[in-house]
N, C-alpha and C. Protein backbone atom coordinates (compact mmCIF):
# COMPACT_ATOMS: atom_id res chain seq x y z
N MET A 1 -8.95 0.83 7.31
CA MET A 1 -8.40 1.42 6.00
C MET A 1 -8.94 0.29 4.62
N LEU A 2 -10.19 0.75 3.30
CA LEU A 2 -10.24 -0.06 2.66
C LEU A 2 -9.44 0.39 1.32
N VAL A 3 -8.71 -0.14 0.36
CA VAL A 3 -8.34 0.01 -0.69
C VAL A 3 -8.87 -0.56 -1.48
N ASP A 4 -9.66 -0.01 -2.52
CA ASP A 4 -9.34 -1.41 -4.14
C ASP A 4 -9.83 0.13 -5.13
N ASP A 5 -9.37 -0.44 -6.11
CA ASP A 5 -9.64 0.51 -7.65
C ASP A 5 -11.25 0.28 -8.17
N ASP A 6 -11.64 -1.11 -7.71
CA ASP A 6 -13.05 -1.56 -7.99
C ASP A 6 -14.29 -0.88 -7.18
N ALA A 7 -14.77 0.34 -7.82
CA ALA A 7 -15.99 1.43 -7.15
C ALA A 7 -16.73 0.20 -6.64
N ALA A 8 -17.44 -0.49 -7.18
CA ALA A 8 -18.77 -0.99 -6.57
C ALA A 8 -18.15 -2.04 -5.53
N LEU A 9 -16.85 -2.61 -5.52
CA LEU A 9 -16.86 -3.93 -4.48
C LEU A 9 -16.42 -3.14 -3.69
N ARG A 10 -15.54 -2.00 -3.34
CA ARG A 10 -15.17 -0.97 -2.30
C ARG A 10 -16.66 -0.50 -1.37
N GLN A 11 -17.84 -0.16 -2.49
CA GLN A 11 -18.78 0.56 -1.84
C GLN A 11 -19.29 -0.30 -1.17
N ALA A 12 -19.00 -1.98 -1.50
CA ALA A 12 -20.22 -2.87 -1.07
C ALA A 12 -19.21 -3.48 0.14
N LEU A 13 -18.36 -3.63 0.17
CA LEU A 13 -17.61 -3.85 1.49
C LEU A 13 -17.41 -3.00 2.74
N GLU A 14 -17.29 -1.68 2.09
CA GLU A 14 -17.98 -0.44 2.96
C GLU A 14 -18.87 -0.54 3.93
N ALA A 15 -20.11 -1.08 3.14
CA ALA A 15 -20.95 -0.58 3.60
C ALA A 15 -21.22 -1.48 5.12
N VAL A 16 -20.76 -2.93 4.43
CA VAL A 16 -21.34 -4.47 5.24
C VAL A 16 -20.35 -3.95 6.34
N LEU A 17 -18.67 -3.41 6.29
CA LEU A 17 -18.05 -3.16 7.55
C LEU A 17 -19.02 -1.94 8.52
N ILE A 18 -19.59 -1.10 7.64
CA ILE A 18 -20.14 0.24 8.58
C ILE A 18 -21.02 -0.41 9.15
N SER A 19 -22.09 -1.52 8.69
CA SER A 19 -23.40 -1.90 9.19
C SER A 19 -22.72 -3.05 10.56
N HIS A 20 -21.76 -3.31 10.80
CA HIS A 20 -21.25 -3.84 11.69
C HIS A 20 -20.36 -2.86 12.80
N GLY A 21 -20.71 -1.53 12.37
CA GLY A 21 -20.09 -0.44 13.36
C GLY A 21 -18.72 -0.38 12.89
N HIS A 22 -17.88 -0.51 12.31
CA HIS A 22 -16.32 -0.02 11.77
C HIS A 22 -16.64 0.95 11.34
N ASP A 23 -15.79 2.16 11.64
CA ASP A 23 -15.33 3.44 11.21
C ASP A 23 -14.32 2.90 9.75
N VAL A 24 -14.96 3.34 8.88
CA VAL A 24 -14.09 2.70 7.53
C VAL A 24 -13.66 3.91 6.51
N ALA A 25 -12.18 3.91 6.12
CA ALA A 25 -11.54 5.14 5.31
C ALA A 25 -11.10 4.49 4.16
N SER A 26 -11.86 4.63 3.01
CA SER A 26 -11.62 4.51 1.72
C SER A 26 -10.59 5.02 1.09
N ALA A 27 -9.94 4.49 -0.06
CA ALA A 27 -9.19 4.81 -1.41
C ALA A 27 -9.17 3.86 -2.64
N GLN A 28 -8.95 4.92 -3.91
CA GLN A 28 -9.56 3.82 -5.03
C GLN A 28 -8.21 3.24 -5.52
N ASP A 29 -6.51 3.76 -4.97
CA ASP A 29 -5.79 3.19 -5.21
C ASP A 29 -4.64 3.05 -4.41
N GLY A 30 -3.25 2.47 -4.84
CA GLY A 30 -2.56 2.74 -3.86
C GLY A 30 -1.34 4.37 -3.13
N LEU A 31 -1.75 5.15 -4.23
CA LEU A 31 -1.84 6.30 -3.70
C LEU A 31 -2.38 7.16 -3.23
N SER A 32 -3.19 6.60 -3.00
CA SER A 32 -4.44 7.48 -2.55
C SER A 32 -4.73 6.84 -0.60
N ALA A 33 -4.08 5.70 -1.09
CA ALA A 33 -3.90 4.95 0.68
C ALA A 33 -3.15 5.66 1.42
N LEU A 34 -2.11 6.11 0.30
CA LEU A 34 -0.85 6.94 1.29
C LEU A 34 -1.43 8.18 2.02
N ARG A 35 -1.93 8.81 1.36
CA ARG A 35 -2.41 9.86 2.08
C ARG A 35 -3.65 9.68 2.58
N ALA A 36 -4.39 8.56 2.81
CA ALA A 36 -5.10 8.49 4.02
C ALA A 36 -4.79 8.24 4.89
N ALA A 37 -3.74 7.18 4.87
CA ALA A 37 -2.96 6.86 5.99
C ALA A 37 -2.38 7.76 7.01
N VAL A 38 -1.73 9.23 5.75
CA VAL A 38 -0.92 9.49 6.72
C VAL A 38 -1.87 10.79 7.48
N GLU A 39 -3.36 10.72 6.75
CA GLU A 39 -4.15 11.66 7.98
C GLU A 39 -4.72 10.75 9.18
N ILE A 40 -4.99 9.71 8.89
CA ILE A 40 -5.78 8.77 9.87
C ILE A 40 -4.94 7.79 10.48
N ARG A 41 -5.07 7.05 11.45
CA ARG A 41 -4.28 5.61 12.01
C ARG A 41 -4.65 4.66 11.94
N PRO A 42 -5.13 3.83 11.05
CA PRO A 42 -6.08 2.88 10.65
C PRO A 42 -5.94 1.44 11.72
N ASP A 43 -6.40 1.14 12.25
CA ASP A 43 -6.54 -0.30 12.86
C ASP A 43 -6.15 -1.41 12.31
N VAL A 44 -7.08 -1.32 11.02
CA VAL A 44 -6.47 -2.26 10.15
C VAL A 44 -6.22 -2.43 8.50
N ILE A 45 -5.68 -2.23 7.87
CA ILE A 45 -5.40 -2.44 6.30
C ILE A 45 -5.67 -3.66 5.35
N ILE A 46 -6.82 -3.22 4.74
CA ILE A 46 -7.08 -3.86 3.33
C ILE A 46 -7.30 -3.55 2.09
N SER A 47 -6.28 -3.85 1.54
CA SER A 47 -6.24 -3.60 0.50
C SER A 47 -6.21 -4.96 -0.87
N ASP A 48 -6.63 -4.23 -1.82
CA ASP A 48 -6.21 -4.83 -3.31
C ASP A 48 -5.37 -4.88 -3.52
N VAL A 49 -4.77 -6.21 -4.63
CA VAL A 49 -3.35 -5.58 -4.82
C VAL A 49 -3.32 -5.61 -6.07
N ASN A 50 -3.88 -5.58 -7.16
CA ASN A 50 -3.28 -4.91 -8.55
C ASN A 50 -4.56 -3.95 -8.68
N MET A 51 -3.39 -2.24 -8.56
CA MET A 51 -4.53 -1.35 -8.55
C MET A 51 -3.52 -0.24 -9.24
N PRO A 52 -4.02 0.83 -9.54
CA PRO A 52 -3.34 1.71 -11.21
C PRO A 52 -2.51 2.68 -9.54
N HIS A 53 -1.63 3.32 -10.62
CA HIS A 53 -0.68 4.36 -9.64
C HIS A 53 0.42 3.75 -8.77
N LEU A 54 -0.06 2.69 -8.25
CA LEU A 54 0.81 2.30 -6.96
C LEU A 54 0.07 0.94 -6.56
N GLU A 55 0.37 -0.38 -6.59
CA GLU A 55 -0.53 -1.58 -5.79
C GLU A 55 0.00 -1.89 -5.21
N GLY A 56 -0.95 -2.38 -4.15
CA GLY A 56 -1.55 -2.81 -2.98
C GLY A 56 -0.31 -3.00 -2.10
N PRO A 57 0.83 -4.02 -2.42
CA PRO A 57 2.24 -4.87 -1.80
C PRO A 57 2.77 -3.42 -1.73
N ASP A 58 3.19 -2.60 -2.84
CA ASP A 58 3.89 -1.44 -2.56
C ASP A 58 3.38 -0.43 -1.86
N ALA A 59 2.12 -0.29 -1.63
CA ALA A 59 1.65 0.76 -0.43
C ALA A 59 2.22 0.08 1.10
N VAL A 60 1.35 -0.77 0.77
CA VAL A 60 1.89 -1.61 2.21
C VAL A 60 3.01 -1.50 2.83
N ARG A 61 4.29 -1.56 1.86
CA ARG A 61 5.55 -1.78 2.19
C ARG A 61 6.09 -0.57 2.05
N ILE A 62 5.87 0.54 1.62
CA ILE A 62 6.28 2.02 2.14
C ILE A 62 5.51 2.32 3.27
N LEU A 63 3.90 2.29 3.78
CA LEU A 63 3.71 2.42 5.03
C LEU A 63 4.36 1.73 6.04
N LYS A 64 4.70 0.03 5.79
CA LYS A 64 5.59 -0.40 7.08
C LYS A 64 6.39 -0.04 7.31
N THR A 65 7.39 0.71 6.59
CA THR A 65 8.99 1.17 6.68
C THR A 65 8.44 2.72 7.91
N LEU A 66 7.10 3.14 7.96
CA LEU A 66 6.65 4.29 9.23
C LEU A 66 6.62 3.43 10.28
N PRO A 67 7.15 3.73 11.66
CA PRO A 67 6.94 3.27 12.55
C PRO A 67 5.30 2.99 12.89
N ARG A 68 5.19 4.12 12.75
CA ARG A 68 3.82 3.93 13.12
C ARG A 68 2.40 3.05 12.79
N PHE A 69 2.61 2.39 11.28
CA PHE A 69 2.03 1.67 10.81
C PHE A 69 3.13 -0.07 11.00
N ARG A 70 3.93 0.19 11.80
CA ARG A 70 4.47 -1.18 11.48
C ARG A 70 3.87 -2.38 11.90
N HIS A 71 2.99 -2.03 12.99
CA HIS A 71 2.94 -3.39 13.62
C HIS A 71 0.75 -3.58 13.18
N VAL A 72 0.08 -2.44 12.03
CA VAL A 72 -1.04 -2.58 11.53
C VAL A 72 -1.31 -3.56 11.09
N PRO A 73 -1.65 -4.97 11.32
CA PRO A 73 -2.42 -5.76 10.78
C PRO A 73 -2.93 -5.66 8.71
N VAL A 74 -2.75 -6.10 8.07
CA VAL A 74 -2.91 -6.31 6.69
C VAL A 74 -3.43 -7.65 6.58
N VAL A 75 -4.62 -7.43 5.39
CA VAL A 75 -5.31 -8.06 4.54
C VAL A 75 -5.15 -8.05 3.13
N LEU A 76 -4.60 -8.29 2.48
CA LEU A 76 -4.83 -8.34 0.75
C LEU A 76 -4.88 -9.16 0.04
N MET A 77 -6.07 -8.61 -0.79
CA MET A 77 -7.10 -9.76 -1.20
C MET A 77 -6.53 -9.79 -3.25
N SER A 78 -7.29 -10.24 -3.67
CA SER A 78 -6.73 -10.82 -5.20
C SER A 78 -7.74 -12.02 -5.51
N GLY A 79 -7.52 -11.64 -7.19
CA GLY A 79 -8.35 -12.87 -7.81
C GLY A 79 -7.41 -13.47 -8.45
N ALA A 80 -6.12 -13.83 -8.19
CA ALA A 80 -5.12 -14.78 -8.53
C ALA A 80 -4.65 -15.50 -7.09
N GLU A 81 -4.06 -16.53 -7.39
CA GLU A 81 -2.86 -16.90 -6.31
C GLU A 81 -2.48 -15.99 -5.52
N LEU A 82 -2.19 -15.84 -4.78
CA LEU A 82 -0.93 -14.79 -3.80
C LEU A 82 0.19 -15.38 -3.62
N PRO A 83 1.52 -15.16 -3.93
CA PRO A 83 2.60 -15.80 -2.85
C PRO A 83 2.86 -15.26 -1.64
N ALA A 84 3.09 -15.74 -0.79
CA ALA A 84 3.51 -15.14 0.38
C ALA A 84 5.03 -14.34 0.62
N THR A 85 4.51 -13.16 1.41
CA THR A 85 5.38 -12.32 1.14
C THR A 85 5.92 -11.41 2.52
N GLY A 86 5.03 -12.06 3.58
CA GLY A 86 5.49 -11.38 4.88
C GLY A 86 4.45 -10.00 5.47
N LEU A 87 4.09 -9.42 4.56
CA LEU A 87 3.46 -7.95 4.15
C LEU A 87 2.19 -8.13 4.54
N ALA A 88 1.35 -9.07 4.56
CA ALA A 88 0.38 -9.61 5.18
C ALA A 88 -0.21 -10.42 6.27
N GLN A 89 -0.88 -10.41 7.22
CA GLN A 89 -1.40 -11.27 7.95
C GLN A 89 -2.58 -12.48 7.61
N VAL A 90 -2.95 -11.70 6.37
CA VAL A 90 -4.46 -12.71 5.63
C VAL A 90 -3.89 -12.05 4.07
N LEU A 91 -4.17 -13.41 3.04
CA LEU A 91 -4.21 -13.12 2.08
C LEU A 91 -5.88 -13.36 1.73
N LEU A 92 -6.86 -13.01 1.03
CA LEU A 92 -8.09 -13.45 1.29
C LEU A 92 -8.07 -13.05 -0.58
N ARG A 93 -8.54 -14.10 -1.32
CA ARG A 93 -8.81 -14.50 -2.96
C ARG A 93 -10.27 -14.36 -3.02
N LYS A 94 -10.35 -13.24 -3.77
CA LYS A 94 -11.78 -13.30 -4.29
C LYS A 94 -12.10 -13.53 -5.52
N PRO A 95 -13.53 -13.78 -5.38
CA PRO A 95 -14.37 -12.61 -4.71
C PRO A 95 -14.72 -13.28 -3.51
N VAL A 96 -14.70 -12.00 -2.57
CA VAL A 96 -14.21 -11.87 -0.93
C VAL A 96 -16.03 -12.22 -0.32
N ILE A 97 -16.41 -12.72 0.36
CA ILE A 97 -17.13 -13.22 1.14
C ILE A 97 -17.37 -12.14 2.16
N ALA A 98 -18.16 -10.86 2.13
CA ALA A 98 -18.30 -9.64 3.30
C ALA A 98 -18.33 -10.67 4.68
N GLU A 99 -18.87 -11.53 5.08
CA GLU A 99 -18.95 -11.91 6.17
C GLU A 99 -17.63 -12.41 6.97
N GLN A 100 -17.14 -13.18 5.81
CA GLN A 100 -15.87 -13.53 6.17
C GLN A 100 -14.79 -12.54 6.58
N LEU A 101 -15.23 -10.93 5.94
CA LEU A 101 -13.99 -10.29 6.19
C LEU A 101 -14.33 -9.24 7.60
N VAL A 102 -15.55 -9.34 7.99
CA VAL A 102 -15.98 -8.82 8.69
C VAL A 102 -15.24 -9.57 9.92
N LYS A 103 -15.56 -10.64 9.89
CA LYS A 103 -14.96 -11.52 11.05
C LYS A 103 -13.41 -11.26 11.14
N LEU A 104 -12.57 -11.35 10.01
CA LEU A 104 -11.19 -11.11 9.84
C LEU A 104 -10.97 -9.79 10.70
N VAL A 105 -11.64 -8.71 10.17
CA VAL A 105 -11.42 -7.27 10.54
C VAL A 105 -11.38 -7.62 12.42
N GLU A 106 -12.65 -8.22 12.81
CA GLU A 106 -12.59 -8.03 14.34
C GLU A 106 -11.61 -8.81 15.08
N ASP A 107 -10.80 -9.86 14.11
CA ASP A 107 -10.08 -11.23 14.45
C ASP A 107 -8.47 -10.36 14.60
N LEU A 108 -8.39 -9.58 13.76
CA LEU A 108 -7.44 -8.59 13.62
C LEU A 108 -7.38 -7.75 14.43
N GLY A 109 -8.01 -6.68 14.28
CA GLY A 109 -8.44 -5.63 15.13
C GLY A 109 -8.14 -5.90 16.92
N TRP A 110 -9.02 -7.11 17.08
CA TRP A 110 -8.86 -7.09 18.69
C TRP A 110 -8.25 -8.53 19.13
N GLY A 111 -8.35 -9.35 18.42
CA GLY A 111 -7.72 -10.76 18.97
C GLY A 111 -6.38 -10.77 18.96
N SER A 112 -5.47 -9.72 19.12
CA SER A 112 -4.07 -10.35 19.34
C SER A 112 -3.72 -8.82 20.49
N THR A 113 -2.71 -9.66 21.60
CA THR A 113 -2.54 -8.28 22.52
C THR A 113 -1.21 -7.92 22.04
N SER A 114 -0.18 -9.04 21.27
CA SER A 114 1.13 -8.69 20.89
C SER A 114 1.52 -8.17 19.78
N PRO A 115 2.30 -7.21 19.25
CA PRO A 115 2.09 -6.95 17.87
C PRO A 115 2.77 -7.97 16.93
N PRO A 116 2.57 -8.37 15.93
CA PRO A 116 3.50 -9.21 15.26
C PRO A 116 4.83 -8.98 15.09
N ARG A 117 5.93 -10.01 14.38
CA ARG A 117 6.97 -9.63 14.73
C ARG A 117 7.22 -9.22 13.21
N PRO A 118 7.93 -8.12 12.76
CA PRO A 118 8.53 -8.04 11.38
C PRO A 118 9.40 -8.88 10.89
N THR A 119 8.93 -9.10 9.66
CA THR A 119 9.48 -10.21 8.63
C THR A 119 10.03 -9.13 7.35
N HIS A 120 11.11 -9.48 7.36
CA HIS A 120 11.85 -9.01 6.06
C HIS A 120 11.73 -9.66 4.58
N HIS A 121 11.35 -9.39 3.76
CA HIS A 121 10.99 -9.92 2.48
C HIS A 121 11.86 -9.46 1.43
N PRO A 122 12.40 -9.84 0.33
CA PRO A 122 13.11 -8.79 -0.51
C PRO A 122 11.73 -8.79 -1.60
N PRO A 123 11.43 -7.46 -2.47
CA PRO A 123 10.37 -7.27 -3.48
C PRO A 123 10.36 -8.43 -4.48
N ALA A 124 8.79 -8.46 -4.64
CA ALA A 124 8.23 -9.40 -5.51
C ALA A 124 7.20 -8.27 -6.36
N ARG A 125 7.32 -8.39 -7.79
CA ARG A 125 5.88 -7.88 -8.23
C ARG A 125 4.99 -9.12 -8.59
N THR A 126 3.84 -8.90 -8.38
CA THR A 126 2.93 -9.72 -8.21
C THR A 126 2.05 -9.69 -9.85
N SER A 127 2.78 -8.52 -10.71
CA SER A 127 1.58 -8.54 -11.98
C SER A 127 2.95 -7.97 -12.67
N ALA A 128 2.92 -8.03 -14.25
CA ALA A 128 4.05 -7.48 -14.79
C ALA A 128 3.96 -5.65 -14.56
N PRO A 129 5.34 -4.90 -14.58
CA PRO A 129 5.53 -3.79 -14.70
C PRO A 129 4.25 -3.23 -15.35
N ASP A 130 4.21 -1.78 -14.81
CA ASP A 130 2.58 -1.11 -15.56
C ASP A 130 3.61 -0.33 -16.59
N GLY A 131 3.47 -0.47 -17.81
CA GLY A 131 3.30 0.27 -18.52
C GLY A 131 2.80 1.16 -18.92
N GLY A 132 1.68 1.57 -18.57
CA GLY A 132 1.43 2.78 -18.47
C GLY A 132 0.97 4.09 -17.47
N TRP A 133 2.45 4.06 -16.79
CA TRP A 133 2.42 4.76 -16.25
C TRP A 133 2.45 6.43 -16.12
N ASN A 134 1.55 7.26 -15.52
CA ASN A 134 1.63 8.48 -15.84
C ASN A 134 1.51 9.37 -14.79
N PRO A 135 2.82 9.94 -14.58
CA PRO A 135 3.13 10.56 -13.57
C PRO A 135 2.04 11.78 -12.92
N ALA A 136 1.74 12.46 -13.90
CA ALA A 136 0.47 13.50 -13.61
C ALA A 136 -0.83 12.93 -12.90
N LEU A 137 -0.84 11.95 -13.38
CA LEU A 137 -2.44 11.12 -13.09
C LEU A 137 -2.16 10.74 -11.25
N ALA A 138 -0.85 10.23 -11.36
CA ALA A 138 -0.93 9.69 -10.05
C ALA A 138 -0.43 10.72 -9.26
N ILE A 139 0.05 11.90 -9.63
CA ILE A 139 0.44 13.20 -8.68
C ILE A 139 -1.64 13.60 -8.30
N VAL A 140 -1.96 13.99 -9.23
CA VAL A 140 -3.54 13.81 -8.83
C VAL A 140 -4.48 12.56 -7.67
N SER A 141 -3.47 11.76 -7.95
CA SER A 141 -4.15 10.83 -6.44
C SER A 141 -4.16 11.19 -5.64
N LEU A 142 -2.62 11.54 -5.33
CA LEU A 142 -2.44 12.18 -3.61
C LEU A 142 -3.40 13.49 -3.14
N GLY A 143 -4.24 14.02 -4.02
CA GLY A 143 -5.60 14.57 -3.82
C GLY A 143 -5.01 16.08 -3.07
N PRO A 144 -5.44 16.51 -1.93
CA PRO A 144 -4.80 18.00 -1.60
C PRO A 144 -3.52 18.28 -1.65
N TYR A 145 -2.63 17.04 -1.41
CA TYR A 145 -0.70 17.38 -1.47
C TYR A 145 -0.58 17.42 -2.88
N SER A 146 -1.05 17.39 -3.95
CA SER A 146 -1.20 17.18 -5.24
C SER A 146 -0.35 18.21 -5.59
N GLY A 147 -0.01 19.55 -5.28
CA GLY A 147 0.57 20.43 -5.71
C GLY A 147 1.73 20.93 -4.80
N THR A 148 2.23 19.55 -4.15
CA THR A 148 3.23 19.89 -3.34
C THR A 148 4.77 19.32 -3.96
N ARG A 149 6.01 20.13 -3.83
CA ARG A 149 6.97 19.44 -4.30
C ARG A 149 7.59 17.64 -3.68
N CYS A 150 7.11 17.41 -2.55
CA CYS A 150 7.01 15.78 -2.01
C CYS A 150 6.24 15.03 -3.25
N ALA A 151 4.91 15.85 -3.19
CA ALA A 151 4.29 14.72 -4.44
C ALA A 151 5.08 14.55 -5.67
N VAL A 152 5.46 15.31 -6.24
CA VAL A 152 5.89 14.97 -7.40
C VAL A 152 7.00 13.80 -7.11
N ARG A 153 8.07 14.14 -5.85
CA ARG A 153 9.07 13.34 -5.46
C ARG A 153 8.66 11.80 -4.94
N ILE A 154 7.60 11.91 -4.51
CA ILE A 154 6.71 10.57 -4.18
C ILE A 154 6.94 9.67 -5.13
N CYS A 155 6.09 10.25 -6.59
CA CYS A 155 6.02 9.70 -7.51
C CYS A 155 6.92 9.21 -8.60
N ARG A 156 7.79 9.58 -8.56
CA ARG A 156 9.27 9.44 -8.97
C ARG A 156 9.82 8.65 -8.63
N GLY A 157 9.79 8.36 -6.81
CA GLY A 157 10.59 7.10 -5.91
C GLY A 157 9.93 6.45 -6.51
N ILE A 158 7.83 6.22 -6.56
CA ILE A 158 7.65 5.06 -7.27
C ILE A 158 7.94 4.35 -8.58
N GLU A 159 8.27 5.35 -9.08
CA GLU A 159 8.12 4.98 -10.69
C GLU A 159 10.10 4.28 -10.42
N LEU A 160 10.81 4.85 -9.59
CA LEU A 160 12.38 3.91 -9.84
C LEU A 160 12.09 2.39 -9.09
N MET A 161 10.75 2.70 -7.92
CA MET A 161 10.45 1.35 -7.34
C MET A 161 10.02 0.18 -8.02
N HIS A 162 9.20 0.84 -9.28
CA HIS A 162 8.74 -0.27 -9.73
C HIS A 162 10.05 -0.63 -10.95
N ALA A 163 10.61 -0.01 -11.63
CA ALA A 163 11.62 -0.27 -12.66
C ALA A 163 13.24 -1.00 -11.64
N GLN A 164 13.13 -1.02 -10.63
CA GLN A 164 14.19 -1.59 -9.95
C GLN A 164 13.19 -3.10 -9.51
N ALA A 165 11.91 -2.70 -8.74
CA ALA A 165 11.49 -4.46 -8.64
C ALA A 165 11.94 -5.06 -9.71
N ALA A 166 11.52 -4.53 -11.16
CA ALA A 166 11.47 -5.21 -12.43
C ALA A 166 13.36 -5.88 -12.90
N ARG A 167 13.72 -4.78 -12.27
CA ARG A 167 15.39 -5.06 -12.48
C ARG A 167 15.60 -6.74 -11.80
N ILE A 168 15.33 -6.85 -10.96
CA ILE A 168 15.48 -7.57 -9.49
C ILE A 168 14.69 -9.18 -10.45
N ASP A 169 13.76 -8.77 -10.66
CA ASP A 169 12.96 -10.29 -11.23
C ASP A 169 14.31 -10.60 -12.63
N ARG A 170 14.76 -9.95 -13.15
CA ARG A 170 15.22 -10.35 -14.44
C ARG A 170 16.43 -11.08 -13.85
N LEU A 171 17.22 -10.40 -12.92
CA LEU A 171 17.98 -10.96 -12.26
C LEU A 171 18.02 -12.05 -11.78
N ARG A 172 16.87 -12.05 -11.07
CA ARG A 172 16.36 -14.07 -10.53
C ARG A 172 16.07 -14.72 -11.60
N ARG A 173 16.04 -14.50 -12.85
CA ARG A 173 15.84 -15.12 -13.46
C ARG A 173 16.83 -15.85 -14.39
N ALA A 174 18.11 -14.52 -13.82
CA ALA A 174 19.21 -14.85 -14.67
C ALA A 174 19.78 -15.86 -13.75
N ASN A 175 19.44 -16.26 -12.43
CA ASN A 175 20.04 -16.90 -11.37
C ASN A 175 21.35 -15.65 -11.32
N MET A 176 20.97 -14.37 -10.88
CA MET A 176 22.31 -14.04 -10.82
C MET A 176 22.17 -13.35 -9.22
N ASN A 177 23.00 -12.98 -8.68
CA ASN A 177 22.68 -12.60 -7.51
C ASN A 177 22.41 -11.12 -7.13
N VAL A 178 20.92 -10.77 -6.16
CA VAL A 178 19.94 -9.82 -6.09
C VAL A 178 20.43 -8.95 -5.07
N GLU A 179 21.70 -9.14 -3.98
CA GLU A 179 21.72 -8.84 -2.45
C GLU A 179 22.01 -6.83 -2.85
N GLU A 180 22.62 -7.19 -3.67
CA GLU A 180 22.64 -4.97 -3.28
C GLU A 180 21.83 -4.44 -4.33
N SER A 181 20.50 -5.19 -5.44
CA SER A 181 19.75 -4.37 -5.71
C SER A 181 18.61 -4.80 -4.91
N VAL A 182 18.20 -5.41 -4.09
CA VAL A 182 17.36 -5.63 -3.41
C VAL A 182 17.31 -4.24 -2.11
N ARG A 183 18.49 -4.29 -1.58
CA ARG A 183 19.32 -3.14 -0.87
C ARG A 183 19.01 -1.97 -1.43
N LEU A 184 19.17 -1.24 -2.87
CA LEU A 184 18.88 -0.13 -3.16
C LEU A 184 17.42 0.09 -2.99
N TYR A 185 16.01 -1.59 -3.62
CA TYR A 185 14.83 -1.07 -4.16
C TYR A 185 14.60 -0.68 -2.09
N ASP A 186 15.06 -1.42 -1.18
CA ASP A 186 14.49 -1.17 0.20
C ASP A 186 15.32 0.95 0.21
N ARG A 187 16.08 1.50 0.07
CA ARG A 187 16.54 2.53 0.06
C ARG A 187 15.13 3.41 -0.53
N LEU A 188 14.93 2.83 -1.95
CA LEU A 188 13.85 3.58 -2.25
C LEU A 188 12.81 3.86 -1.56
N VAL A 189 12.26 2.81 -1.27
CA VAL A 189 10.81 2.05 -0.30
C VAL A 189 11.24 3.35 0.58
N GLU A 190 12.15 3.53 1.52
CA GLU A 190 12.47 4.27 2.88
C GLU A 190 12.23 5.40 2.41
N SER A 191 13.34 6.05 1.34
CA SER A 191 13.02 7.25 0.99
C SER A 191 11.13 7.89 0.50
N VAL A 192 10.52 6.99 -0.08
CA VAL A 192 9.53 7.45 -0.45
C VAL A 192 8.66 7.15 1.10
N ALA A 193 8.42 6.52 1.97
CA ALA A 193 7.91 6.76 3.10
C ALA A 193 8.16 8.46 4.08
N THR A 194 9.57 8.38 3.92
CA THR A 194 10.18 9.41 4.33
C THR A 194 9.12 10.99 3.59
N LEU A 195 8.86 10.82 2.28
CA LEU A 195 8.42 12.07 1.87
C LEU A 195 6.90 12.03 2.21
N VAL A 196 6.61 10.67 2.33
CA VAL A 196 5.11 10.80 2.70
C VAL A 196 4.46 11.15 3.83
N GLN A 197 5.64 11.10 4.88
CA GLN A 197 5.52 12.09 6.39
C GLN A 197 5.33 13.30 6.19
N CYS A 198 6.33 13.75 5.21
CA CYS A 198 6.49 15.17 5.06
C CYS A 198 5.14 15.84 4.29
N LEU A 199 4.42 15.24 3.77
CA LEU A 199 3.45 15.61 2.96
C LEU A 199 2.81 16.71 3.47
N PRO A 200 1.86 16.10 4.70
CA PRO A 200 1.02 17.17 5.60
C PRO A 200 1.43 18.32 6.21
N ALA A 201 2.96 18.36 6.18
CA ALA A 201 3.39 19.51 6.48
C ALA A 201 3.80 20.40 5.52
N GLU A 202 4.15 20.15 4.07
CA GLU A 202 4.63 20.62 3.26
C GLU A 202 3.34 21.54 2.81
N ALA A 203 2.44 20.64 2.45
CA ALA A 203 0.71 20.83 2.12
C ALA A 203 0.56 22.10 3.26
N PHE A 204 0.73 22.14 4.42
CA PHE A 204 0.53 23.44 5.48
C PHE A 204 1.08 24.23 4.84
N TRP A 205 2.48 24.37 4.83
CA TRP A 205 3.14 25.53 4.33
C TRP A 205 2.84 25.97 3.60
N SER A 206 2.66 25.36 2.24
CA SER A 206 2.40 25.89 0.97
C SER A 206 1.15 26.83 0.78
N LYS A 207 -0.02 26.41 1.57
CA LYS A 207 -0.93 27.06 1.79
C LYS A 207 -0.81 28.72 2.55
N ARG A 208 0.19 28.41 3.29
CA ARG A 208 0.60 29.46 4.19
C ARG A 208 1.30 31.09 3.30
N ARG A 209 2.10 30.28 2.27
CA ARG A 209 3.01 31.12 1.39
C ARG A 209 2.25 32.26 0.56
């Protein structure tokens, strides 16, 4: 699964991966990636970091709370230097060399016989909190699920996640203990992940009504 809000780059990388025999599902932001992920089971997730609605690391963090995604390898891409978070097997600096990405996908998809051991890391924002958060636009990103109550709650949960991550950053800068705040952040992530799992079922029953 390839996730990037830069349409030209996304289409170029998708074309290269397809030309090397890979099936590619693409998404334009983190929320769309959640929608795509519940519909398919990707062998590898390749995601940009800074995107509208839901950033790449936050989308990956939500997916990793679900058992079916726990051992799916992840590549995070960014034009900026990325701190190690434990979320990704590979941190890739943009501009991306297509041949390098193809080799990474092949190595990550088939090069390991045992799943990586999960590592817990406290949340760390990779950019400033999104001051332009628009719940209505975010809900639309969930496509066919946008009319469900789950979609509204997912977007609200993500908004709370962002606010809590910003609060943790402020506490850290003040050299204060963040243990309880991190635990609350983790609960918010788990709540959003549970709602993501419920999306297809709720969409199905909404159509039946």
